[in-house]
C-alpha atoms as a PDB file:
ATOM      1  CA  MET A   1      11.896  66.293  89.171  1.00  0.00           C
ATOM      2  CA  ALA A   2      12.946  63.682  87.292  1.00  0.00           C
ATOM      3  CA  ALA A   3      10.786  62.767  84.003  1.00  0.00           C
ATOM      4  CA  PRO A   4       8.741  59.417  84.251  1.00  0.00           C
ATOM      5  CA  ALA A   5      10.965  56.367  82.437  1.00  0.00           C
ATOM      6  CA  MET A   6       9.393  55.268  79.233  1.00  0.00           C
ATOM      7  CA  PRO A   7       8.170  51.628  79.031  1.00  0.00           C
ATOM      8  CA  ALA A   8      10.127  49.441  77.362  1.00  0.00           C
ATOM      9  CA  GLN A   9       8.402  48.509  73.771  1.00  0.00           C
ATOM     10  CA  PRO A  10       8.517  44.826  72.731  1.00  0.00           C
ATOM     11  CA  ALA A  11      11.079  44.010  70.389  1.00  0.00           C
ATOM     12  CA  GLY A  12      10.302  42.162  67.431  1.00  0.00           C
ATOM     13  CA  PHE A  13      12.384  40.199  64.915  1.00  0.00           C
ATOM     14  CA  GLY A  14      15.946  40.945  64.486  1.00  0.00           C
ATOM     15  CA  GLY A  15      15.651  43.281  68.070  1.00  0.00           C
ATOM     16  CA  VAL A  16      13.531  46.384  66.077  1.00  0.00           C
ATOM     17  CA  PRO A  17      10.274  47.091  68.166  1.00  0.00           C
ATOM     18  CA  VAL A  18       6.996  45.710  66.538  1.00  0.00           C
ATOM     19  CA  ASP A  19       5.384  49.439  66.608  1.00  0.00           C
ATOM     20  CA  ALA A  20       8.758  50.850  64.897  1.00  0.00           C
ATOM     21  CA  PRO A  21       8.163  52.799  61.308  1.00  0.00           C
ATOM     22  CA  ILE A  22       8.950  51.080  58.469  1.00  0.00           C
ATOM     23  CA  PRO A  23      12.332  52.723  56.415  1.00  0.00           C
ATOM     24  CA  VAL A  24      11.080  53.841  52.997  1.00  0.00           C
ATOM     25  CA  GLY A  25      13.087  51.724  51.028  1.00  0.00           C
ATOM     26  CA  ALA A  26      11.894  48.879  53.090  1.00  0.00           C
ATOM     27  CA  ARG A  27       8.666  49.787  52.082  1.00  0.00           C
ATOM     28  CA  ARG A  28       9.187  49.383  48.557  1.00  0.00           C
ATOM     29  CA  GLY A  29      11.896  46.454  48.731  1.00  0.00           C
ATOM     30  CA  GLY A  30       8.498  44.519  50.097  1.00  0.00           C
ATOM     31  CA  LYS A  31       6.004  45.481  47.078  1.00  0.00           C
ATOM     32  CA  GLY A  32       8.671  44.544  44.769  1.00  0.00           C
ATOM     33  CA  ARG A  33       8.923  41.631  45.840  1.00  0.00           C
ATOM     34  CA  VAL A  34       5.280  41.133  45.891  1.00  0.00           C
ATOM     35  CA  VAL A  35       4.968  42.184  42.365  1.00  0.00           C
ATOM     36  CA  LEU A  36       7.872  40.119  40.800  1.00  0.00           C
ATOM     37  CA  LEU A  37       5.926  37.083  42.849  1.00  0.00           C
ATOM     38  CA  LEU A  38       3.043  38.189  40.501  1.00  0.00           C
ATOM     39  CA  LEU A  39       4.653  38.026  37.229  1.00  0.00           C
ATOM     40  CA  LEU A  40       6.205  34.990  37.750  1.00  0.00           C
ATOM     41  CA  LEU A  41       3.082  33.373  38.771  1.00  0.00           C
ATOM     42  CA  LEU A  42       1.753  34.583  36.068  1.00  0.00           C
ATOM     43  CA  LEU A  43       4.323  33.367  33.497  1.00  0.00           C
ATOM     44  CA  VAL A  44       3.234  30.080  35.011  1.00  0.00           C
ATOM     45  CA  GLY A  45       0.457  29.591  35.030  1.00  0.00           C
ATOM     46  CA  GLY A  46       0.203  31.403  31.609  1.00  0.00           C
ATOM     47  CA  GLY A  47       2.682  28.541  30.513  1.00  0.00           C
ATOM     48  CA  VAL A  48       0.069  25.756  31.588  1.00  0.00           C
ATOM     49  CA  ALA A  49      -2.510  27.075  29.754  1.00  0.00           C
ATOM     50  CA  ALA A  50      -0.615  27.173  26.612  1.00  0.00           C
ATOM     51  CA  VAL A  51       0.326  23.774  26.850  1.00  0.00           C
ATOM     52  CA  LEU A  52      -3.209  22.856  27.609  1.00  0.00           C
ATOM     53  CA  VAL A  53      -4.503  24.586  24.477  1.00  0.00           C
ATOM     54  CA  LEU A  54      -1.512  23.608  22.536  1.00  0.00           C
ATOM     55  CA  LYS A  55      -1.623  19.775  23.324  1.00  0.00           C
ATOM     56  CA  PRO A  56      -4.909  18.745  25.699  1.00  0.00           C
ATOM     57  CA  PHE A  57      -5.394  15.940  27.506  1.00  0.00           C
ATOM     58  CA  GLY A  58      -5.831  12.903  25.832  1.00  0.00           C
ATOM     59  CA  VAL A  59      -4.963  13.630  22.297  1.00  0.00           C
ATOM     60  CA  GLY A  60      -2.071  11.772  21.209  1.00  0.00           C
ATOM     61  CA  GLU A  61       0.627  12.298  18.875  1.00  0.00           C
ATOM     62  CA  PRO A  62      -0.013  13.493  14.993  1.00  0.00           C
ATOM     63  CA  ALA A  63      -0.049  10.617  12.444  1.00  0.00           C
ATOM     64  CA  VAL A  64       2.928  10.545  10.121  1.00  0.00           C
ATOM     65  CA  PRO A  65       1.708  11.926   6.940  1.00  0.00           C
ATOM     66  CA  ALA A  66       1.873   8.599   4.383  1.00  0.00           C
ATOM     67  CA  GLY A  67       4.879   9.137   1.884  1.00  0.00           C
ATOM     68  CA  PRO A  68       4.621   9.270  -1.653  1.00  0.00           C
ATOM     69  CA  PRO A  69       3.437   5.815  -3.531  1.00  0.00           C
ATOM     70  CA  GLN A  70       6.679   3.353  -4.447  1.00  0.00           C
ATOM     71  CA  VAL A  71       7.140   0.684  -6.621  1.00  0.00           C
ATOM     72  CA  GLN A  72       9.073  -2.189  -6.496  1.00  0.00           C
ATOM     73  CA  PHE A  73      10.507  -3.458 -10.190  1.00  0.00           C
ATOM     74  CA  ALA A  74      11.610  -6.794 -10.830  1.00  0.00           C
ATOM     75  CA  SER A  75      12.129  -8.966 -13.862  1.00  0.00           C
ATOM     76  CA  ASN A  76      14.048 -12.459 -14.810  1.00  0.00           C
ATOM     77  CA  PRO A  77      16.396 -11.980 -16.879  1.00  0.00           C
ATOM     78  CA  PRO A  78      17.490  -9.065 -13.919  1.00  0.00           C
ATOM     79  CA  GLY A  79      19.064  -5.947 -15.499  1.00  0.00           C
ATOM     80  CA  VAL A  80      16.128  -4.550 -17.874  1.00  0.00           C
ATOM     81  CA  GLU A  81      16.221  -0.533 -18.256  1.00  0.00           C
ATOM     82  CA  ILE A  82      13.098   0.670 -17.141  1.00  0.00           C
ATOM     83  CA  PHE A  83      11.027   3.787 -18.414  1.00  0.00           C
ATOM     84  CA  ASP A  84       7.894   5.404 -16.422  1.00  0.00           C
ATOM     85  CA  HIS A  85       6.635   8.631 -18.595  1.00  0.00           C
ATOM     86  CA  GLY A  86       9.806   8.991 -20.236  1.00  0.00           C
ATOM     87  CA  LEU A  87      12.020   8.999 -16.971  1.00  0.00           C
ATOM     88  CA  PHE A  88      14.618   6.156 -16.294  1.00  0.00           C
ATOM     89  CA  VAL A  89      13.935   4.706 -13.220  1.00  0.00           C
ATOM     90  CA  GLY A  90      17.032   2.422 -13.298  1.00  0.00           C
ATOM     91  CA  GLU A  91      17.534  -1.083 -14.109  1.00  0.00           C
ATOM     92  CA  THR A  92      15.848  -4.402 -12.390  1.00  0.00           C
ATOM     93  CA  PRO A  93      15.710  -4.730  -9.599  1.00  0.00           C
ATOM     94  CA  VAL A  94      14.551  -1.455  -8.930  1.00  0.00           C
ATOM     95  CA  LEU A  95      12.562   0.581  -6.372  1.00  0.00           C
ATOM     96  CA  HIS A  96      11.036   3.560  -7.992  1.00  0.00           C
ATOM     97  CA  THR A  97       9.356   6.562  -5.830  1.00  0.00           C
ATOM     98  CA  LEU A  98       7.241   8.353  -7.692  1.00  0.00           C
ATOM     99  CA  GLU A  99       7.140  12.171  -7.956  1.00  0.00           C
ATOM    100  CA  GLN A 100       3.698  12.969  -8.260  1.00  0.00           C
ATOM    101  CA  LYS A 101       0.411  10.656  -8.464  1.00  0.00           C
ATOM    102  CA  ARG A 102      -0.872   9.295 -11.794  1.00  0.00           C
ATOM    103  CA  PRO A 103      -3.538   6.987 -12.474  1.00  0.00           C
ATOM    104  CA  ASP A 104      -1.033   4.221 -14.995  1.00  0.00           C
ATOM    105  CA  HIS A 105       2.549   3.955 -15.312  1.00  0.00           C
ATOM    106  CA  ASP A 106       3.394   4.279 -19.062  1.00  0.00           C
ATOM    107  CA  LEU A 107       6.217   1.813 -19.349  1.00  0.00           C
ATOM    108  CA  GLN A 108       9.183   1.070 -21.579  1.00  0.00           C
ATOM    109  CA  ILE A 109      11.397  -2.079 -20.917  1.00  0.00           C
ATOM    110  CA  VAL A 110      14.769  -1.996 -22.585  1.00  0.00           C
ATOM    111  CA  THR A 111      16.543  -5.206 -22.917  1.00  0.00           C
ATOM    112  CA  ALA A 112      19.606  -4.992 -24.778  1.00  0.00           C
ATOM    113  CA  ARG A 113      18.231  -5.677 -28.135  1.00  0.00           C
ATOM    114  CA  ARG A 114      14.429  -4.980 -27.478  1.00  0.00           C
ATOM    115  CA  THR A 115      12.142  -2.380 -25.924  1.00  0.00           C
ATOM    116  CA  PHE A 116       8.322  -3.339 -25.080  1.00  0.00           C
ATOM    117  CA  ARG A 117       6.037  -0.234 -24.290  1.00  0.00           C
ATOM    118  CA  THR A 118       2.966  -0.964 -22.175  1.00  0.00           C
ATOM    119  CA  ALA A 119       0.772   1.191 -19.837  1.00  0.00           C
ATOM    120  CA  VAL A 120      -0.380  -0.400 -16.669  1.00  0.00           C
ATOM    121  CA  PRO A 121      -2.207   0.614 -13.819  1.00  0.00           C
ATOM    122  CA  ALA A 122      -0.684   2.866 -11.096  1.00  0.00           C
ATOM    123  CA  TYR A 123      -2.176   2.018  -7.059  1.00  0.00           C
ATOM    124  CA  ASP A 124      -2.044   4.167  -3.828  1.00  0.00           C
ATOM    125  CA  GLY A 125       0.988   2.912  -1.499  1.00  0.00           C
ATOM    126  CA  PRO A 126       3.634   0.228  -1.782  1.00  0.00           C
ATOM    127  CA  SER A 127       3.169  -1.850  -5.277  1.00  0.00           C
ATOM    128  CA  TRP A 128       4.979  -4.011  -7.327  1.00  0.00           C
ATOM    129  CA  VAL A 129       5.904  -4.403 -10.877  1.00  0.00           C
ATOM    130  CA  TYR A 130       7.236  -7.806 -11.688  1.00  0.00           C
ATOM    131  CA  VAL A 131       8.653  -8.549 -16.248  1.00  0.00           C
ATOM    132  CA  ALA A 132       8.945 -11.885 -17.577  1.00  0.00           C
ATOM    133  CA  ILE A 133      10.577 -10.755 -20.463  1.00  0.00           C
ATOM    134  CA  PRO A 134       8.927 -12.408 -23.243  1.00  0.00           C
ATOM    135  CA  PRO A 135      10.956 -14.849 -25.575  1.00  0.00           C
ATOM    136  CA  GLU A 136      12.590 -14.155 -29.097  1.00  0.00           C
ATOM    137  CA  GLY A 137      10.242 -13.230 -31.892  1.00  0.00           C
ATOM    138  CA  VAL A 138       7.871 -12.020 -29.616  1.00  0.00           C
ATOM    139  CA  ALA A 139       7.174  -7.784 -30.108  1.00  0.00           C
ATOM    140  CA  LYS A 140       4.360  -7.154 -27.089  1.00  0.00           C
ATOM    141  CA  VAL A 141       3.895  -8.089 -23.790  1.00  0.00           C
ATOM    142  CA  GLY A 142       0.429  -8.490 -22.233  1.00  0.00           C
ATOM    143  CA  TRP A 143       0.019  -7.813 -18.255  1.00  0.00           C
ATOM    144  CA  ALA A 144      -2.550  -8.798 -15.239  1.00  0.00           C
ATOM    145  CA  ALA A 145      -2.936  -7.197 -12.251  1.00  0.00           C
ATOM    146  CA  ILE A 146      -3.438  -9.352  -9.394  1.00  0.00           C
ATOM    147  CA  VAL A 147      -4.953  -7.376  -6.005  1.00  0.00           C
ATOM    148  CA  THR A 148      -6.425  -8.315  -2.422  1.00  0.00           C
ATOM    149  CA  ASP A 149      -8.398  -6.644   0.294  1.00  0.00           C
ATOM    150  CA  PRO A 150      -6.439  -6.096   2.130  1.00  0.00           C
ATOM    151  CA  ALA A 151      -3.181  -5.965  -0.177  1.00  0.00           C
ATOM    152  CA  GLY A 152       0.148  -6.413   0.856  1.00  0.00           C
ATOM    153  CA  ALA A 153      -0.191 -10.549   0.365  1.00  0.00           C
ATOM    154  CA  ASP A 154       2.696 -12.346  -1.234  1.00  0.00           C
ATOM    155  CA  VAL A 155       2.213 -13.424  -4.661  1.00  0.00           C
ATOM    156  CA  LYS A 156       3.854 -16.675  -6.084  1.00  0.00           C
ATOM    157  CA  VAL A 157       3.872 -17.218 -10.504  1.00  0.00           C
ATOM    158  CA  GLY A 158       4.661 -20.876 -10.938  1.00  0.00           C
ATOM    159  CA  GLY A 159       6.004 -21.205  -7.404  1.00  0.00           C
ATOM    160  CA  GLU A 160       8.366 -18.094  -7.911  1.00  0.00           C
ATOM    161  CA  ALA A 161       7.812 -15.076  -5.718  1.00  0.00           C
ATOM    162  CA  VAL A 162       7.396 -12.171  -7.221  1.00  0.00           C
ATOM    163  CA  GLY A 163       6.008  -9.936  -5.237  1.00  0.00           C
ATOM    164  CA  LYS A 164       3.146  -9.208  -3.253  1.00  0.00           C
ATOM    165  CA  THR A 165      -0.127  -7.343  -4.108  1.00  0.00           C
ATOM    166  CA  PRO A 166      -1.029  -4.961  -5.704  1.00  0.00           C
ATOM    167  CA  LEU A 167       1.315  -6.345  -8.748  1.00  0.00           C
ATOM    168  CA  VAL A 168       0.890  -6.178 -12.033  1.00  0.00           C
ATOM    169  CA  TYR A 169       2.811  -9.202 -14.098  1.00  0.00           C
ATOM    170  CA  LEU A 170       3.663  -8.444 -17.478  1.00  0.00           C
ATOM    171  CA  GLY A 171       4.846 -11.344 -20.041  1.00  0.00           C
ATOM    172  CA  ALA A 172       4.263 -12.625 -23.607  1.00  0.00           C
ATOM    173  CA  PRO A 173       0.427 -12.449 -24.621  1.00  0.00           C
ATOM    174  CA  ASP A 174      -1.886 -15.354 -23.754  1.00  0.00           C
ATOM    175  CA  SER A 175       0.188 -16.323 -21.006  1.00  0.00           C
ATOM    176  CA  ALA A 176      -1.099 -18.426 -18.434  1.00  0.00           C
ATOM    177  CA  LEU A 177      -0.308 -17.584 -14.544  1.00  0.00           C
ATOM    178  CA  GLU A 178      -0.733 -20.402 -12.146  1.00  0.00           C
ATOM    179  CA  LEU A 179      -1.244 -17.681  -8.295  1.00  0.00           C
ATOM    180  CA  GLU A 180      -0.837 -18.579  -5.775  1.00  0.00           C
ATOM    181  CA  VAL A 181      -1.661 -15.686  -3.071  1.00  0.00           C
ATOM    182  CA  SER A 182      -0.985 -16.234   0.782  1.00  0.00           C
ATOM    183  CA  THR A 183      -0.941 -13.892   4.088  1.00  0.00           C
ATOM    184  CA  ALA A 184       0.159 -14.839   7.228  1.00  0.00           C
ATOM    185  CA  ASP A 185      -3.404 -16.583   8.262  1.00  0.00           C
ATOM    186  CA  VAL A 186      -4.495 -17.258   5.116  1.00  0.00           C
ATOM    187  CA  SER A 187      -3.851 -18.386   1.056  1.00  0.00           C
ATOM    188  CA  ALA A 188      -5.276 -19.232  -1.578  1.00  0.00           C
ATOM    189  CA  ARG A 189      -4.704 -19.975  -5.446  1.00  0.00           C
ATOM    190  CA  SER A 190      -5.914 -18.666  -8.608  1.00  0.00           C
ATOM    191  CA  SER A 191      -4.951 -18.414 -12.431  1.00  0.00           C
ATOM    192  CA  ALA A 192      -4.597 -15.877 -14.982  1.00  0.00           C
ATOM    193  CA  LYS A 193      -3.963 -14.964 -18.536  1.00  0.00           C
ATOM    194  CA  LEU A 194      -2.040 -12.345 -19.928  1.00  0.00           C
ATOM    195  CA  ALA A 195      -4.080  -9.684 -22.377  1.00  0.00           C
ATOM    196  CA  ALA A 196      -2.064  -6.932 -24.508  1.00  0.00           C
ATOM    197  CA  GLU A 197      -5.267  -4.666 -23.196  1.00  0.00           C
ATOM    198  CA  GLY A 198      -4.612  -5.646 -19.497  1.00  0.00           C
ATOM    199  CA  VAL A 199      -6.616  -7.677 -17.364  1.00  0.00           C
ATOM    200  CA  THR A 200      -6.972  -7.027 -13.366  1.00  0.00           C
ATOM    201  CA  VAL A 201      -7.690 -10.410 -11.062  1.00  0.00           C
ATOM    202  CA  ALA A 202      -8.867 -10.084  -7.681  1.00  0.00           C
ATOM    203  CA  VAL A 203      -8.066 -13.107  -5.410  1.00  0.00           C
ATOM    204  CA  PRO A 204     -10.166 -13.385  -2.132  1.00  0.00           C
ATOM    205  CA  LEU A 205      -8.744 -13.905   0.727  1.00  0.00           C
ATOM    206  CA  GLU A 206     -10.805 -15.827   3.301  1.00  0.00           C
END
């Protein structure tokens, strides 16, 4: 008597019966893919977390640190040699970047035949020093520091533009200055008198 025929097994994907045993190699391959997928998810999640920790939402770029103070030297006549604390700065007009912060500028102002020495205040940020060479026979210089709040106002002396505040103006002692100080919105007039020991003139801008 012939054995009864076994019922046909339903075919799965690719013609493989759905209850056919999975080869050992295929099982390992499936596990490997799962592990790899988990590792990728962990890496991606870790990267996102690192971005959030290092640069959280709502925080802008850090401010660029301010550079060292700079001083713009100018003179009338030009071509005057400037030394600051014994360091040769250059011939006017010249822009001088301070290597280290100091409370003042210990200046030597050298022309073809004369040398003037004085100490004037130093300021944070950009500042200006203007030298009006005294006439022959005058051996010293006096100075006045013109300051405003805020800084950066244009300064004219006798109608001539000489720089921006804070500005130290040097010239013959006891010389009188007629000042015009202005911004884009406001201007003011003032006066000053140069002194060998120096004076500070605060010009209000209202």
